[in-house]
Amino acid sequence: MDSEKILNELLDNYKNFEEVEAIGIGGSSAAKTADKASDIDVYLFVNKDIPLDKREAIVKSYSSKYEVGGEYFGPGDEFYVDALGREVDLMYFNKNWFEETFENIWVKHYPANGYTTCFLYTLSLLNIINDKNGWLQGLKDRLNTPYPEELKNNIIKRNLMLLKDKPFASYYEQIEKAVAREDFNSVNHRSAAFLASYFDIIFAVNKMLHPGEKRLVNYAKNNCKILPENFEKDVNTLALGKPAEKLKTAGQMVERLRKIL
């Protein structure tokens, strides 16, 4: 049996659960960027929780190594499918929560502290496997509209404030204090938050949905028409440079970012 048939057979087990509204495959598999280290991201949109014993019974019939009921990164099951030789990351999204998230971002234009449109990017990529009442396809169709100008502006405003413009506790100020204290753990922690907001602005400027946290430099270089000067070098220096370099670079990144707004 080939890989596609094995995966389809696995997912068929969930289709008739009364709790399941729709099933989709996303992530690198849907984006056609998967490599040998990539797992298969499966999204189950549910009206209510599926009992753990029902979930485990399915997983055990396909896997000798699994974790059912993990809540570390949201409700989900992770397991190695023996016949596929690959790991499946099966995530459970409450239907009402997901639709509310969509409404808040795409309709009401609420920004976040970085990663604002990541869930919408996930939605845009989904290869729908099952959709009982057409709800998931309907949501995808609603997303297939021009990027809202108000959302773009709100993301830029909020995240620019977080980067350096807030009068207190901006990421730049927090990095500055951490460097002065030689608190290197905090330097790295705040640098990561800085980068999250920095990329959120870049994707908003380009009116693109945020693809998540992996391979962002290459993704931006390949897909964004508008990028700040010294983009790749600055990102790498902030991520990997010495603490004193990080602070100087963060300041430069904000100023170079302003020039593309």
Protein backbone atom coordinates (compact mmCIF):
# COMPACT_ATOMS: atom_id res chain seq x y z
CA MET A 1 0.00 0.00 0.00
CA ASP A 2 1.44 3.41 -0.94
CA SER A 3 1.88 6.30 1.47
CA GLU A 4 -1.18 8.24 0.35
CA LYS A 5 -3.45 5.24 0.79
CA ILE A 6 -2.07 4.55 4.26
CA LEU A 7 -2.64 8.15 5.32
CA ASN A 8 -6.15 8.23 3.86
CA GLU A 9 -6.99 4.98 5.61
CA LEU A 10 -5.76 6.44 8.88
CA LEU A 11 -7.84 9.60 8.49
CA ASP A 12 -10.92 7.63 7.49
CA ASN A 13 -11.09 6.50 11.11
CA TYR A 14 -11.97 10.03 12.20
CA LYS A 15 -14.46 11.01 9.50
CA ASN A 16 -17.57 9.54 11.09
CA PHE A 17 -16.92 10.77 14.62
CA GLU A 18 -19.80 13.02 15.61
CA GLU A 19 -17.29 15.40 17.17
CA VAL A 20 -15.42 15.99 13.90
CA GLU A 21 -16.59 18.77 11.58
CA ALA A 22 -13.71 18.78 9.09
CA ILE A 23 -10.23 17.37 8.45
CA GLY A 24 -7.36 19.00 6.60
CA ILE A 25 -3.68 18.40 5.92
CA GLY A 26 -1.45 21.45 6.27
CA GLY A 27 2.10 22.45 7.11
CA SER A 28 5.03 21.60 4.87
CA SER A 29 3.13 18.73 3.26
CA ALA A 30 0.50 21.13 1.91
CA ALA A 31 3.11 23.78 1.06
CA LYS A 32 5.25 21.22 -0.81
CA THR A 33 8.29 22.14 1.28
CA ALA A 34 8.57 18.97 3.35
CA ASP A 35 11.98 17.39 3.86
CA LYS A 36 13.16 14.20 5.56
CA ALA A 37 12.74 15.78 8.99
CA SER A 38 9.19 17.00 8.35
CA ASP A 39 6.18 15.42 9.98
CA ILE A 40 2.66 15.35 8.53
CA ASP A 41 0.43 18.03 10.03
CA VAL A 42 -3.20 16.95 10.29
CA TYR A 43 -5.89 19.32 11.57
CA LEU A 44 -9.13 18.01 13.00
CA PHE A 45 -11.78 20.69 13.50
CA VAL A 46 -14.10 19.51 16.23
CA ASN A 47 -17.37 20.62 17.83
CA LYS A 48 -16.36 19.06 21.14
CA ASP A 49 -13.53 16.96 22.52
CA ILE A 50 -13.07 13.40 21.28
CA PRO A 51 -12.62 11.01 24.24
CA LEU A 52 -9.00 9.98 24.76
CA ASP A 53 -9.76 6.27 24.63
CA LYS A 54 -11.23 6.62 21.14
CA ARG A 55 -8.19 8.59 20.00
CA GLU A 56 -5.73 6.14 21.50
CA ALA A 57 -7.45 3.12 19.95
CA ILE A 58 -6.88 4.57 16.48
CA VAL A 59 -3.31 5.63 17.11
CA LYS A 60 -2.29 2.28 18.63
CA SER A 61 -3.46 0.42 15.55
CA TYR A 62 -0.96 2.35 13.39
CA SER A 63 1.89 3.17 15.74
CA SER A 64 4.33 1.55 18.16
CA LYS A 65 5.57 4.94 19.39
CA TYR A 66 3.02 7.58 20.25
CA GLU A 67 1.82 10.28 22.64
CA VAL A 68 -1.94 10.75 22.90
CA GLY A 69 -3.51 13.66 24.73
CA GLY A 70 -0.50 15.95 24.81
CA GLU A 71 -1.39 19.52 25.71
CA TYR A 72 2.10 21.03 25.46
CA PHE A 73 1.42 22.96 22.25
CA GLY A 74 -2.36 22.73 22.24
CA PRO A 75 -4.61 19.64 22.11
CA GLY A 76 -3.10 16.97 19.93
CA ASP A 77 -1.71 13.49 19.35
CA GLU A 78 1.78 12.81 18.03
CA PHE A 79 2.71 9.41 16.72
CA TYR A 80 5.06 7.57 14.39
CA VAL A 81 3.12 5.71 11.70
CA ASP A 82 5.05 2.49 11.33
CA ALA A 83 3.85 1.71 7.80
CA LEU A 84 4.68 5.24 6.62
CA GLY A 85 7.99 5.63 8.38
CA ARG A 86 6.93 9.17 9.27
CA GLU A 87 5.56 11.07 12.22
CA VAL A 88 2.04 12.49 12.24
CA ASP A 89 1.22 15.57 14.29
CA LEU A 90 -2.55 15.52 14.70
CA MET A 91 -3.96 18.77 16.10
CA TYR A 92 -7.50 19.32 17.41
CA PHE A 93 -8.92 22.78 16.74
CA ASN A 94 -12.26 23.70 18.23
CA LYS A 95 -14.42 24.83 15.33
CA ASN A 96 -15.96 27.80 17.15
CA TRP A 97 -12.59 28.98 18.45
CA PHE A 98 -11.04 28.79 15.00
CA GLU A 99 -13.88 30.69 13.38
CA GLU A 100 -13.73 33.35 16.09
CA THR A 101 -9.98 33.66 15.50
CA PHE A 102 -10.65 34.14 11.81
CA GLU A 103 -13.27 36.81 12.49
CA ASN A 104 -11.05 38.70 14.93
CA ILE A 105 -8.18 38.91 12.48
CA TRP A 106 -9.65 39.03 8.97
CA VAL A 107 -12.91 40.85 9.73
CA LYS A 108 -12.27 42.90 12.89
CA HIS A 109 -8.57 43.44 12.09
CA TYR A 110 -7.19 42.76 15.56
CA PRO A 111 -3.36 42.57 15.62
CA ALA A 112 -1.23 40.40 17.91
CA ASN A 113 2.26 40.53 19.38
CA GLY A 114 3.86 38.86 16.39
CA TYR A 115 2.49 35.96 14.30
CA THR A 116 -0.84 37.76 13.78
CA THR A 117 -1.95 35.93 10.64
CA CYS A 118 -0.32 32.52 11.20
CA PHE A 119 -3.59 30.64 11.70
CA LEU A 120 -4.93 32.21 8.52
CA TYR A 121 -1.85 31.01 6.65
CA THR A 122 -2.58 27.52 7.97
CA LEU A 123 -6.15 27.84 6.70
CA SER A 124 -5.02 29.07 3.29
CA LEU A 125 -2.79 26.03 2.76
CA LEU A 126 -5.12 23.34 4.03
CA ASN A 127 -5.78 20.41 1.75
CA ILE A 128 -9.31 19.54 2.81
CA ILE A 129 -9.79 15.79 3.31
CA ASN A 130 -13.27 15.88 4.79
CA ASP A 131 -15.76 18.71 5.30
CA LYS A 132 -19.15 17.45 6.43
CA ASN A 133 -21.15 20.63 5.95
CA GLY A 134 -18.82 22.72 3.81
CA TRP A 135 -17.86 24.87 6.79
CA LEU A 136 -14.09 24.69 6.28
CA GLN A 137 -14.28 25.40 2.55
CA GLY A 138 -16.57 28.32 3.32
CA LEU A 139 -13.96 29.77 5.65
CA LYS A 140 -11.25 29.31 3.02
CA ASP A 141 -13.46 31.10 0.50
CA ARG A 142 -13.93 34.03 2.88
CA LEU A 143 -10.16 34.26 3.25
CA ASN A 144 -9.74 34.47 -0.52
CA THR A 145 -10.17 38.25 -0.54
CA PRO A 146 -7.71 41.17 -0.66
CA TYR A 147 -5.56 41.67 2.43
CA PRO A 148 -7.37 44.27 4.57
CA GLU A 149 -5.60 47.63 4.67
CA GLU A 150 -6.78 48.22 8.24
CA LEU A 151 -5.29 44.92 9.37
CA LYS A 152 -1.98 45.80 7.75
CA ASN A 153 -1.90 49.17 9.50
CA ASN A 154 -2.90 47.74 12.87
CA ILE A 155 -0.19 45.06 12.74
CA ILE A 156 2.44 47.65 11.86
CA LYS A 157 1.33 50.08 14.57
CA ARG A 158 1.16 47.53 17.38
CA ASN A 159 4.37 45.72 16.59
CA LEU A 160 6.37 48.87 15.90
CA MET A 161 5.37 50.05 19.36
CA LEU A 162 6.60 46.76 20.79
CA LEU A 163 9.90 46.96 18.93
CA LYS A 164 10.99 50.38 20.16
CA ASP A 165 8.26 53.03 20.21
CA LYS A 166 6.63 52.20 23.54
CA PRO A 167 7.73 54.64 26.26
CA PHE A 168 8.25 51.71 28.62
CA ALA A 169 9.30 48.06 28.22
CA SER A 170 9.76 47.97 24.47
CA TYR A 171 11.74 44.97 23.27
CA TYR A 172 14.67 47.26 22.47
CA GLU A 173 14.65 48.64 26.01
CA GLN A 174 14.41 45.14 27.48
CA ILE A 175 17.39 43.98 25.38
CA GLU A 176 19.30 47.08 26.45
CA LYS A 177 18.72 46.36 30.14
CA ALA A 178 19.53 42.67 29.73
CA VAL A 179 22.83 43.49 28.00
CA ALA A 180 23.77 45.92 30.78
CA ARG A 181 23.04 43.24 33.38
CA GLU A 182 24.88 40.57 31.37
CA ASP A 183 21.67 38.57 31.58
CA PHE A 184 22.30 36.59 28.41
CA ASN A 185 19.29 34.34 28.76
CA SER A 186 17.06 37.41 28.82
CA VAL A 187 18.95 38.91 25.86
CA ASN A 188 18.10 35.85 23.77
CA HIS A 189 14.51 35.71 25.01
CA ARG A 190 13.80 39.34 24.16
CA SER A 191 15.66 39.11 20.87
CA ALA A 192 13.34 36.28 19.84
CA ALA A 193 10.30 38.39 20.74
CA PHE A 194 11.79 41.30 18.79
CA LEU A 195 12.17 39.11 15.71
CA ALA A 196 8.59 37.87 16.02
CA SER A 197 7.23 41.42 15.83
CA TYR A 198 9.78 42.40 13.17
CA PHE A 199 8.65 39.64 10.83
CA ASP A 200 4.98 40.35 11.58
CA ILE A 201 5.53 43.88 10.26
CA ILE A 202 7.42 42.68 7.19
CA PHE A 203 4.66 40.28 6.15
CA ALA A 204 2.00 42.92 6.83
CA VAL A 205 3.85 45.49 4.69
CA ASN A 206 3.88 42.95 1.87
CA LYS A 207 0.23 42.05 2.55
CA MET A 208 1.14 38.42 3.03
CA LEU A 209 -0.05 35.92 5.59
CA HIS A 210 2.60 35.02 8.17
CA PRO A 211 3.94 31.50 7.47
CA GLY A 212 4.99 30.68 11.04
CA GLU A 213 8.36 30.43 12.74
CA LYS A 214 10.45 28.23 10.41
CA ARG A 215 12.71 29.23 7.49
CA LEU A 216 11.50 32.83 7.66
CA VAL A 217 14.56 34.47 6.13
CA ASN A 218 14.43 32.35 2.98
CA TYR A 219 10.65 32.61 2.79
CA ALA A 220 10.78 36.40 3.01
CA LYS A 221 13.60 36.65 0.46
CA ASN A 222 11.71 34.45 -1.98
CA ASN A 223 8.25 35.96 -1.54
CA CYS A 224 8.40 39.53 -0.24
CA LYS A 225 8.84 42.35 -2.74
CA ILE A 226 9.57 44.86 0.03
CA LEU A 227 12.37 44.15 2.51
CA PRO A 228 14.50 46.40 4.70
CA GLU A 229 18.10 47.13 3.79
CA ASN A 230 20.58 44.57 5.15
CA PHE A 231 17.66 42.29 5.99
CA GLU A 232 19.33 38.88 6.15
CA LYS A 233 22.53 40.05 7.85
CA ASP A 234 20.60 41.98 10.49
CA VAL A 235 18.32 39.05 11.32
CA ASN A 236 21.26 36.67 11.62
CA THR A 237 23.26 39.10 13.76
CA LEU A 238 20.33 39.62 16.13
CA ALA A 239 19.84 35.87 16.39
CA LEU A 240 23.49 34.80 16.65
CA GLY A 241 25.63 37.85 17.39
CA LYS A 242 27.30 38.91 20.61
CA PRO A 243 25.05 40.75 23.10
CA ALA A 244 26.51 44.20 22.35
CA GLU A 245 26.04 43.59 18.61
CA LYS A 246 22.44 42.56 19.20
CA LEU A 247 21.49 45.89 20.77
CA LYS A 248 23.11 47.98 18.02
CA THR A 249 21.56 45.75 15.35
CA ALA A 250 18.07 45.95 16.91
CA GLY A 251 18.21 49.75 16.73
CA GLN A 252 19.34 49.65 13.10
CA MET A 253 16.61 47.15 12.21
CA VAL A 254 13.90 49.46 13.50
CA GLU A 255 15.22 52.43 11.54
CA ARG A 256 15.60 50.39 8.35
CA LEU A 257 12.11 49.03 8.88
CA ARG A 258 10.66 52.54 9.12
CA LYS A 259 12.03 53.32 5.66
CA ILE A 260 9.83 50.66 4.01
CA LEU A 261 6.60 51.63 5.80
